[in-house]
Amino acid sequence: MKLSVKVDYACRVLAQLARHHGEGRLSHIEDLARIEAVPANYLVQILSELRNGGLITSRRGKQGGYVLSRPPEKITLYDIVKLIEGDLLEFGGNADGQSGKRVQQVWREVRAALEAKCKNYTLDALMTRGPGEMYYI
């Protein structure tokens, strides 16, 4: 399984929007692109998908911009990946052969575990609290 750059960009931009949730101001595409190091022309497409998928709302015009459609703790990593990529894990095999059914069952279990884990992470867990925040692995 490989997640696309598009998912990475969507997560980063949504995390940035989450930082400003509840402040009553809209974020501008130029600022989002600069702060999260996302190409602005590609960001337009991503924001359109996020808006059409109901994760953000937008307003046009000079005072326009983007904002989360619901609180950060109500938007999961699963919501984001599902919207951008579709299923988290697609298995293209079949149930042929002696082991086919068991292999499919195991992959279904792996997908269910991955989906459950992604549903546990919300935008408030993805956003940084400040510009210099460090993470240790």
N, C-alpha and C. Protein backbone atom coordinates (compact mmCIF):
# COMPACT_ATOMS: atom_id res chain seq x y z
N MET A 1 0.84 -1.18 0.00
CA MET A 1 0.00 0.00 0.00
C MET A 1 0.88 1.24 0.00
N LYS A 2 0.56 2.16 -0.87
CA LYS A 2 1.31 3.41 -0.94
C LYS A 2 0.30 4.55 -1.02
N LEU A 3 0.41 5.47 -0.09
CA LEU A 3 -0.47 6.63 -0.11
C LEU A 3 0.17 7.70 -0.98
N SER A 4 -0.66 8.42 -1.68
CA SER A 4 -0.18 9.42 -2.63
C SER A 4 0.27 10.70 -1.95
N VAL A 5 1.01 11.49 -2.70
CA VAL A 5 1.40 12.82 -2.27
C VAL A 5 0.15 13.66 -2.03
N LYS A 6 -0.88 13.40 -2.81
CA LYS A 6 -2.14 14.14 -2.67
C LYS A 6 -2.73 13.95 -1.27
N VAL A 7 -2.67 12.75 -0.73
CA VAL A 7 -3.15 12.50 0.63
C VAL A 7 -2.28 13.24 1.63
N ASP A 8 -0.98 13.22 1.43
CA ASP A 8 -0.06 13.94 2.31
C ASP A 8 -0.38 15.43 2.33
N TYR A 9 -0.54 16.01 1.15
CA TYR A 9 -0.87 17.43 1.06
C TYR A 9 -2.21 17.73 1.72
N ALA A 10 -3.19 16.88 1.47
CA ALA A 10 -4.52 17.09 2.05
C ALA A 10 -4.45 17.06 3.57
N CYS A 11 -3.71 16.11 4.12
CA CYS A 11 -3.56 16.02 5.59
C CYS A 11 -2.88 17.27 6.15
N ARG A 12 -1.83 17.72 5.48
CA ARG A 12 -1.10 18.89 5.97
C ARG A 12 -1.95 20.15 5.93
N VAL A 13 -2.67 20.34 4.84
CA VAL A 13 -3.51 21.54 4.71
C VAL A 13 -4.67 21.49 5.70
N LEU A 14 -5.27 20.32 5.86
CA LEU A 14 -6.35 20.20 6.84
C LEU A 14 -5.84 20.42 8.26
N ALA A 15 -4.64 19.95 8.55
CA ALA A 15 -4.05 20.20 9.87
C ALA A 15 -3.85 21.70 10.09
N GLN A 16 -3.45 22.41 9.04
CA GLN A 16 -3.28 23.86 9.13
C GLN A 16 -4.63 24.55 9.36
N LEU A 17 -5.65 24.11 8.65
CA LEU A 17 -6.99 24.66 8.87
C LEU A 17 -7.47 24.36 10.29
N ALA A 18 -7.10 23.20 10.79
CA ALA A 18 -7.50 22.82 12.15
C ALA A 18 -6.87 23.76 13.19
N ARG A 19 -5.66 24.22 12.93
CA ARG A 19 -4.99 25.14 13.85
C ARG A 19 -5.79 26.42 14.05
N HIS A 20 -6.55 26.81 13.04
CA HIS A 20 -7.30 28.06 13.09
C HIS A 20 -8.79 27.86 13.28
N HIS A 21 -9.19 26.63 13.54
CA HIS A 21 -10.62 26.35 13.71
C HIS A 21 -11.16 27.11 14.92
N GLY A 22 -12.30 27.69 14.72
CA GLY A 22 -12.97 28.42 15.80
C GLY A 22 -12.52 29.85 15.97
N GLU A 23 -11.57 30.32 15.16
CA GLU A 23 -11.09 31.69 15.27
C GLU A 23 -11.96 32.67 14.49
N GLY A 24 -12.85 32.15 13.65
CA GLY A 24 -13.73 33.02 12.89
C GLY A 24 -13.10 33.65 11.67
N ARG A 25 -11.96 33.16 11.26
CA ARG A 25 -11.34 33.72 10.06
C ARG A 25 -11.11 32.62 9.04
N LEU A 26 -11.08 33.02 7.79
CA LEU A 26 -10.89 32.08 6.70
C LEU A 26 -9.41 32.07 6.29
N SER A 27 -8.92 30.89 5.89
CA SER A 27 -7.53 30.77 5.43
C SER A 27 -7.49 30.93 3.92
N HIS A 28 -6.49 31.66 3.44
CA HIS A 28 -6.33 31.92 2.02
C HIS A 28 -5.41 30.87 1.39
N ILE A 29 -5.70 30.55 0.15
CA ILE A 29 -4.97 29.49 -0.53
C ILE A 29 -3.47 29.79 -0.61
N GLU A 30 -3.11 31.04 -0.83
CA GLU A 30 -1.70 31.40 -0.93
C GLU A 30 -0.98 31.14 0.39
N ASP A 31 -1.63 31.45 1.50
CA ASP A 31 -1.04 31.23 2.82
C ASP A 31 -0.91 29.72 3.10
N LEU A 32 -1.95 28.98 2.80
CA LEU A 32 -1.91 27.53 3.01
C LEU A 32 -0.80 26.89 2.20
N ALA A 33 -0.68 27.30 0.95
CA ALA A 33 0.36 26.75 0.07
C ALA A 33 1.76 27.06 0.60
N ARG A 34 1.95 28.29 1.03
CA ARG A 34 3.27 28.71 1.53
C ARG A 34 3.61 28.00 2.84
N ILE A 35 2.71 28.03 3.79
CA ILE A 35 2.97 27.47 5.12
C ILE A 35 3.20 25.96 5.07
N GLU A 36 2.43 25.27 4.24
CA GLU A 36 2.54 23.81 4.19
C GLU A 36 3.37 23.30 3.02
N ALA A 37 4.00 24.21 2.28
CA ALA A 37 4.90 23.84 1.18
C ALA A 37 4.20 22.94 0.16
N VAL A 38 3.02 23.39 -0.27
CA VAL A 38 2.22 22.67 -1.27
C VAL A 38 2.09 23.57 -2.50
N PRO A 39 2.34 23.04 -3.68
CA PRO A 39 2.18 23.86 -4.89
C PRO A 39 0.75 24.41 -4.97
N ALA A 40 0.61 25.71 -5.13
CA ALA A 40 -0.70 26.37 -5.12
C ALA A 40 -1.64 25.83 -6.19
N ASN A 41 -1.10 25.57 -7.40
CA ASN A 41 -1.98 25.08 -8.46
C ASN A 41 -2.53 23.69 -8.15
N TYR A 42 -1.75 22.85 -7.47
CA TYR A 42 -2.21 21.52 -7.07
C TYR A 42 -3.16 21.63 -5.87
N LEU A 43 -2.89 22.59 -5.03
CA LEU A 43 -3.72 22.79 -3.84
C LEU A 43 -5.15 23.17 -4.21
N VAL A 44 -5.32 23.91 -5.29
CA VAL A 44 -6.65 24.28 -5.75
C VAL A 44 -7.48 23.02 -6.00
N GLN A 45 -6.90 22.03 -6.65
CA GLN A 45 -7.60 20.78 -6.93
C GLN A 45 -7.94 20.03 -5.64
N ILE A 46 -6.98 19.98 -4.73
CA ILE A 46 -7.18 19.27 -3.47
C ILE A 46 -8.28 19.93 -2.65
N LEU A 47 -8.24 21.24 -2.55
CA LEU A 47 -9.26 21.96 -1.79
C LEU A 47 -10.65 21.77 -2.41
N SER A 48 -10.71 21.68 -3.70
CA SER A 48 -11.98 21.43 -4.37
C SER A 48 -12.54 20.05 -3.97
N GLU A 49 -11.69 19.06 -3.96
CA GLU A 49 -12.11 17.72 -3.54
C GLU A 49 -12.55 17.70 -2.07
N LEU A 50 -11.79 18.39 -1.22
CA LEU A 50 -12.14 18.44 0.20
C LEU A 50 -13.46 19.17 0.41
N ARG A 51 -13.71 20.21 -0.37
CA ARG A 51 -14.98 20.93 -0.28
C ARG A 51 -16.13 20.06 -0.78
N ASN A 52 -15.95 19.43 -1.93
CA ASN A 52 -16.99 18.56 -2.48
C ASN A 52 -17.27 17.37 -1.57
N GLY A 53 -16.25 16.93 -0.84
CA GLY A 53 -16.41 15.82 0.08
C GLY A 53 -16.96 16.21 1.44
N GLY A 54 -17.15 17.51 1.66
CA GLY A 54 -17.77 17.98 2.90
C GLY A 54 -16.83 18.18 4.08
N LEU A 55 -15.51 18.12 3.86
CA LEU A 55 -14.58 18.32 4.97
C LEU A 55 -14.27 19.79 5.22
N ILE A 56 -14.42 20.62 4.18
CA ILE A 56 -14.19 22.06 4.33
C ILE A 56 -15.31 22.82 3.65
N THR A 57 -15.40 24.09 3.98
CA THR A 57 -16.29 24.99 3.27
C THR A 57 -15.45 26.17 2.78
N SER A 58 -15.98 26.86 1.80
CA SER A 58 -15.23 27.99 1.25
C SER A 58 -16.18 29.14 0.97
N ARG A 59 -15.55 30.31 0.86
CA ARG A 59 -16.28 31.51 0.48
C ARG A 59 -15.43 32.24 -0.55
N ARG A 60 -16.06 32.70 -1.60
CA ARG A 60 -15.36 33.40 -2.67
C ARG A 60 -15.21 34.88 -2.35
N GLY A 61 -14.34 35.50 -3.10
CA GLY A 61 -14.20 36.95 -3.01
C GLY A 61 -12.99 37.37 -2.22
N LYS A 62 -12.84 38.68 -2.11
CA LYS A 62 -11.68 39.27 -1.44
C LYS A 62 -11.58 38.82 0.01
N GLN A 63 -12.70 38.68 0.68
CA GLN A 63 -12.72 38.23 2.08
C GLN A 63 -12.92 36.72 2.17
N GLY A 64 -12.77 36.01 1.06
CA GLY A 64 -13.02 34.58 1.00
C GLY A 64 -11.86 33.76 1.54
N GLY A 65 -12.06 32.47 1.53
CA GLY A 65 -11.04 31.55 1.98
C GLY A 65 -11.67 30.21 2.36
N TYR A 66 -10.95 29.46 3.17
CA TYR A 66 -11.35 28.10 3.51
C TYR A 66 -11.37 27.91 5.02
N VAL A 67 -12.26 27.02 5.46
CA VAL A 67 -12.40 26.70 6.87
C VAL A 67 -12.90 25.26 6.98
N LEU A 68 -12.59 24.59 8.07
CA LEU A 68 -13.11 23.24 8.30
C LEU A 68 -14.62 23.29 8.41
N SER A 69 -15.27 22.27 7.94
CA SER A 69 -16.73 22.22 8.02
C SER A 69 -17.22 21.69 9.37
N ARG A 70 -16.32 21.07 10.12
CA ARG A 70 -16.65 20.58 11.46
C ARG A 70 -15.39 20.60 12.32
N PRO A 71 -15.52 20.43 13.61
CA PRO A 71 -14.35 20.52 14.50
C PRO A 71 -13.27 19.48 14.14
N PRO A 72 -12.00 19.81 14.41
CA PRO A 72 -10.90 18.91 14.07
C PRO A 72 -11.02 17.51 14.70
N GLU A 73 -11.60 17.45 15.88
CA GLU A 73 -11.73 16.15 16.54
C GLU A 73 -12.83 15.29 15.93
N LYS A 74 -13.56 15.84 14.96
CA LYS A 74 -14.62 15.10 14.28
C LYS A 74 -14.22 14.68 12.86
N ILE A 75 -12.99 14.99 12.45
CA ILE A 75 -12.49 14.60 11.13
C ILE A 75 -11.33 13.63 11.33
N THR A 76 -11.51 12.41 10.85
CA THR A 76 -10.49 11.38 11.06
C THR A 76 -9.56 11.25 9.85
N LEU A 77 -8.43 10.63 10.11
CA LEU A 77 -7.50 10.30 9.04
C LEU A 77 -8.20 9.40 8.02
N TYR A 78 -9.05 8.52 8.52
CA TYR A 78 -9.84 7.65 7.62
C TYR A 78 -10.70 8.49 6.68
N ASP A 79 -11.37 9.52 7.21
CA ASP A 79 -12.22 10.39 6.38
C ASP A 79 -11.41 10.99 5.24
N ILE A 80 -10.21 11.43 5.55
CA ILE A 80 -9.37 12.10 4.56
C ILE A 80 -8.91 11.13 3.48
N VAL A 81 -8.34 10.01 3.91
CA VAL A 81 -7.82 9.03 2.95
C VAL A 81 -8.95 8.46 2.09
N LYS A 82 -10.06 8.15 2.70
CA LYS A 82 -11.21 7.59 1.97
C LYS A 82 -11.69 8.58 0.91
N LEU A 83 -11.74 9.86 1.25
CA LEU A 83 -12.18 10.88 0.31
C LEU A 83 -11.21 11.03 -0.86
N ILE A 84 -9.93 11.08 -0.57
CA ILE A 84 -8.92 11.33 -1.59
C ILE A 84 -8.58 10.07 -2.41
N GLU A 85 -8.43 8.93 -1.72
CA GLU A 85 -7.94 7.72 -2.39
C GLU A 85 -9.00 6.64 -2.60
N GLY A 86 -10.08 6.68 -1.83
CA GLY A 86 -11.02 5.57 -1.87
C GLY A 86 -10.66 4.58 -0.78
N ASP A 87 -10.83 3.30 -1.03
CA ASP A 87 -10.52 2.29 -0.02
C ASP A 87 -9.06 2.37 0.41
N LEU A 88 -8.83 2.15 1.71
CA LEU A 88 -7.47 2.20 2.23
C LEU A 88 -6.60 1.08 1.68
N LEU A 89 -7.20 -0.06 1.47
CA LEU A 89 -6.44 -1.20 0.99
C LEU A 89 -7.35 -2.00 0.08
N GLU A 90 -6.98 -2.09 -1.17
CA GLU A 90 -7.75 -2.88 -2.12
C GLU A 90 -6.98 -4.14 -2.43
N PHE A 91 -7.67 -5.25 -2.38
CA PHE A 91 -7.05 -6.52 -2.70
C PHE A 91 -7.60 -6.99 -4.03
N GLY A 92 -6.74 -7.13 -5.01
CA GLY A 92 -7.17 -7.48 -6.35
C GLY A 92 -7.13 -8.97 -6.66
N GLY A 93 -6.74 -9.78 -5.69
CA GLY A 93 -6.66 -11.22 -5.92
C GLY A 93 -8.02 -11.88 -5.95
N ASN A 94 -8.00 -13.18 -6.12
CA ASN A 94 -9.25 -13.93 -6.10
C ASN A 94 -9.12 -15.12 -5.15
N ALA A 95 -10.19 -15.86 -5.01
CA ALA A 95 -10.22 -16.96 -4.05
C ALA A 95 -9.85 -18.29 -4.70
N ASP A 96 -9.19 -18.26 -5.83
CA ASP A 96 -8.80 -19.49 -6.51
C ASP A 96 -7.68 -20.20 -5.76
N GLY A 97 -7.52 -21.43 -6.07
CA GLY A 97 -6.44 -22.22 -5.49
C GLY A 97 -6.75 -22.66 -4.07
N GLN A 98 -5.88 -23.47 -3.56
CA GLN A 98 -6.07 -24.03 -2.23
C GLN A 98 -6.03 -22.97 -1.14
N SER A 99 -5.21 -21.94 -1.31
CA SER A 99 -5.03 -20.91 -0.27
C SER A 99 -5.78 -19.61 -0.54
N GLY A 100 -6.42 -19.49 -1.68
CA GLY A 100 -7.03 -18.24 -2.09
C GLY A 100 -8.00 -17.65 -1.08
N LYS A 101 -8.91 -18.48 -0.54
CA LYS A 101 -9.89 -17.97 0.41
C LYS A 101 -9.23 -17.46 1.68
N ARG A 102 -8.25 -18.19 2.17
CA ARG A 102 -7.57 -17.78 3.41
C ARG A 102 -6.77 -16.50 3.20
N VAL A 103 -6.12 -16.38 2.05
CA VAL A 103 -5.36 -15.17 1.75
C VAL A 103 -6.30 -13.97 1.71
N GLN A 104 -7.44 -14.10 1.06
CA GLN A 104 -8.42 -13.01 1.03
C GLN A 104 -8.89 -12.65 2.43
N GLN A 105 -9.13 -13.65 3.26
CA GLN A 105 -9.60 -13.40 4.63
C GLN A 105 -8.56 -12.60 5.41
N VAL A 106 -7.31 -12.98 5.28
CA VAL A 106 -6.24 -12.27 6.00
C VAL A 106 -6.16 -10.82 5.53
N TRP A 107 -6.24 -10.57 4.23
CA TRP A 107 -6.18 -9.20 3.73
C TRP A 107 -7.38 -8.39 4.19
N ARG A 108 -8.56 -9.01 4.30
CA ARG A 108 -9.73 -8.31 4.84
C ARG A 108 -9.49 -7.93 6.30
N GLU A 109 -8.86 -8.81 7.05
CA GLU A 109 -8.54 -8.51 8.45
C GLU A 109 -7.54 -7.37 8.56
N VAL A 110 -6.54 -7.38 7.69
CA VAL A 110 -5.53 -6.31 7.67
C VAL A 110 -6.21 -4.98 7.33
N ARG A 111 -7.09 -4.98 6.33
CA ARG A 111 -7.80 -3.75 5.97
C ARG A 111 -8.65 -3.24 7.12
N ALA A 112 -9.35 -4.14 7.80
CA ALA A 112 -10.20 -3.73 8.92
C ALA A 112 -9.35 -3.11 10.04
N ALA A 113 -8.19 -3.70 10.32
CA ALA A 113 -7.31 -3.16 11.36
C ALA A 113 -6.77 -1.79 10.95
N LEU A 114 -6.40 -1.64 9.70
CA LEU A 114 -5.88 -0.36 9.20
C LEU A 114 -6.97 0.71 9.26
N GLU A 115 -8.17 0.37 8.85
CA GLU A 115 -9.27 1.32 8.91
C GLU A 115 -9.55 1.73 10.36
N ALA A 116 -9.57 0.77 11.25
CA ALA A 116 -9.82 1.07 12.67
C ALA A 116 -8.76 2.01 13.22
N LYS A 117 -7.50 1.78 12.89
CA LYS A 117 -6.41 2.64 13.36
C LYS A 117 -6.55 4.05 12.80
N CYS A 118 -6.87 4.16 11.52
CA CYS A 118 -7.03 5.47 10.88
C CYS A 118 -8.23 6.23 11.45
N LYS A 119 -9.23 5.51 11.91
CA LYS A 119 -10.40 6.17 12.51
C LYS A 119 -10.09 6.69 13.91
N ASN A 120 -9.01 6.21 14.52
CA ASN A 120 -8.60 6.67 15.84
C ASN A 120 -7.83 7.98 15.81
N TYR A 121 -7.26 8.33 14.67
CA TYR A 121 -6.50 9.58 14.54
C TYR A 121 -7.39 10.66 13.94
N THR A 122 -7.46 11.79 14.62
CA THR A 122 -8.25 12.92 14.12
C THR A 122 -7.32 14.09 13.80
N LEU A 123 -7.88 15.10 13.16
CA LEU A 123 -7.08 16.26 12.78
C LEU A 123 -6.40 16.93 13.96
N ASP A 124 -7.04 16.92 15.11
CA ASP A 124 -6.39 17.56 16.26
C ASP A 124 -5.12 16.83 16.65
N ALA A 125 -4.98 15.55 16.29
CA ALA A 125 -3.74 14.83 16.55
C ALA A 125 -2.68 15.12 15.48
N LEU A 126 -3.10 15.58 14.31
CA LEU A 126 -2.16 15.86 13.22
C LEU A 126 -1.59 17.27 13.27
N MET A 127 -2.32 18.19 13.89
CA MET A 127 -1.87 19.58 13.83
C MET A 127 -0.78 19.87 14.85
N THR A 128 0.14 20.74 14.46
CA THR A 128 1.17 21.19 15.37
C THR A 128 0.63 22.36 16.17
N ARG A 129 1.14 22.52 17.34
CA ARG A 129 0.68 23.62 18.20
C ARG A 129 1.44 24.91 17.95
N GLY A 130 2.66 24.79 17.43
CA GLY A 130 3.47 25.97 17.18
C GLY A 130 4.46 25.68 16.07
N PRO A 131 5.10 26.71 15.55
CA PRO A 131 6.00 26.54 14.40
C PRO A 131 7.23 25.70 14.70
N GLY A 132 7.67 25.64 15.93
CA GLY A 132 8.87 24.90 16.25
C GLY A 132 8.64 23.58 16.96
N GLU A 133 7.43 23.11 16.97
CA GLU A 133 7.11 21.88 17.69
C GLU A 133 7.88 20.70 17.10
N MET A 134 8.48 19.90 17.99
CA MET A 134 9.28 18.75 17.57
C MET A 134 8.59 17.47 17.96
N TYR A 135 8.80 16.42 17.14
CA TYR A 135 8.27 15.11 17.44
C TYR A 135 9.43 14.13 17.50
N TYR A 136 9.39 13.25 18.46
CA TYR A 136 10.43 12.25 18.62
C TYR A 136 9.84 10.88 18.42
N ILE A 137 10.53 10.10 17.63
CA ILE A 137 10.04 8.75 17.31
C ILE A 137 10.90 7.73 18.01
